[in-house]
Structure formats: structure tokens, C-alpha cells
Protein backbone atom coordinates (compact mmCIF):
# COMPACT_ATOMS: atom_id res chain seq x y z
CA MET A 1 4.11 90.11 257.31
CA PHE A 2 5.55 89.83 253.90
CA SER A 3 4.47 87.54 251.11
CA LYS A 4 6.52 86.40 248.12
CA SER A 5 5.72 88.30 244.95
CA LYS A 6 5.15 86.39 241.75
CA ILE A 7 6.32 89.14 239.41
CA ASN A 8 9.76 87.61 238.78
CA GLU A 9 8.49 84.03 238.41
CA PRO A 10 7.80 82.72 234.86
CA ALA A 11 4.16 82.91 234.04
CA GLU A 12 2.24 79.64 233.64
CA LYS A 13 1.44 78.81 230.02
CA PRO A 14 -2.21 78.98 229.39
CA VAL A 15 -3.71 75.64 228.60
CA PRO A 16 -5.17 75.82 225.08
CA ALA A 17 -8.86 75.28 225.19
CA THR A 18 -9.92 72.46 222.99
CA ALA A 19 -12.67 73.53 220.72
CA PRO A 20 -15.81 71.42 221.23
CA ILE A 21 -16.70 69.31 218.31
CA SER A 22 -19.56 71.14 216.69
CA LYS A 23 -22.47 69.44 215.20
CA PRO A 24 -23.64 70.30 211.75
CA THR A 25 -26.26 73.07 211.75
CA SER A 26 -28.63 70.90 209.77
CA GLU A 27 -28.39 67.28 210.76
CA PHE A 28 -28.93 64.72 208.02
CA LYS A 29 -32.36 63.19 208.37
CA PRO A 30 -33.19 60.56 205.77
CA THR A 31 -36.50 61.12 204.14
CA PRO A 32 -38.86 58.25 204.60
CA GLN A 33 -39.43 56.27 201.41
CA LYS A 34 -42.73 56.97 199.76
CA ALA A 35 -44.91 53.95 199.12
CA LYS A 36 -45.00 53.08 195.43
CA PRO A 37 -48.30 53.97 193.90
CA PRO A 38 -50.32 51.19 192.11
CA ALA A 39 -50.16 50.95 188.38
CA SER A 40 -52.44 53.10 186.25
CA ILE A 41 -54.92 50.86 184.54
CA LEU A 42 -56.37 51.55 181.07
CA SER A 43 -59.57 49.45 181.14
CA THR A 44 -60.88 47.29 178.31
CA ASP A 45 -63.47 49.84 177.25
CA LEU A 46 -60.94 52.70 176.95
CA GLN A 47 -59.38 53.80 173.68
CA VAL A 48 -56.48 56.32 173.83
CA THR A 49 -55.07 58.14 170.84
CA GLY A 50 -51.71 59.83 171.53
CA ASN A 51 -48.46 59.29 173.37
CA MET A 52 -48.14 58.64 177.10
CA ARG A 53 -45.20 59.06 179.40
CA THR A 54 -44.89 58.35 183.17
CA THR A 55 -42.27 57.37 185.71
CA GLY A 56 -44.78 54.98 187.20
CA ASP A 57 -46.33 51.78 185.97
CA ILE A 58 -49.08 51.35 183.40
CA GLN A 59 -51.31 48.29 182.77
CA VAL A 60 -53.05 48.37 179.38
CA GLU A 61 -56.31 46.37 178.98
CA GLY A 62 -57.89 48.59 176.31
CA ARG A 63 -56.57 50.08 173.02
CA VAL A 64 -53.74 52.61 172.62
CA ASP A 65 -52.88 54.31 169.36
CA GLY A 66 -49.51 55.86 170.17
CA ASP A 67 -46.31 55.36 172.11
CA ILE A 68 -46.16 54.53 175.83
CA ARG A 69 -43.13 55.23 177.99
CA ALA A 70 -43.30 53.92 181.60
CA HIS A 71 -41.18 52.42 184.31
CA LEU A 72 -43.13 49.11 183.88
CA LEU A 73 -45.62 48.49 181.04
CA THR A 74 -48.01 45.56 181.37
CA ILE A 75 -50.04 44.57 178.35
CA GLY A 76 -53.25 42.57 179.07
CA GLU A 77 -54.10 39.43 176.93
CA LYS A 78 -57.07 41.22 175.26
CA ALA A 79 -55.41 44.65 174.83
CA ASN A 80 -55.11 46.25 171.38
CA SER A 81 -52.29 48.43 170.09
């Protein structure tokens, strides 16, 4: 028997494949926040000569002859400067 040939029929248009949404190669993962370290304490019997600089906190109970730069500076009642 004979079968109908599809040569003369218009070809079906290929369905464009939709590109899957790709995930970034490195997913963003927030870094856990570090616990804030306690303040550095300069005790009452300590005498420092010179400048100090920190991004942390300093609590002065002793004597400092110099400049101090810190995030938070706490001067004790009996401290000397």
C-alpha cells in the first residue's frame, strides 16, 4: 500500500526551547556576624607612654601619656591622663 509523503507539506516550526533560569555560580551566603570582643582594659597599675589606636573599645583605669583613638573610649574615675 501507499502512504502519503510529507515532502510537500510545510514543515512544522520548531518550538524554541526556553533556556532554564540559571542560578549564579556562587550563591550569596551572608557571613555570620562576629561577636563583638570585650573592651581592652588598662588596669590601675599600668602606665602607658605613647599613642594607641584600635577599632575596638578601650577602658582606661591607669595612666596614659599619649593619644588614644578607639571606637569607644571609657575613662575610669581614678584614671590619669
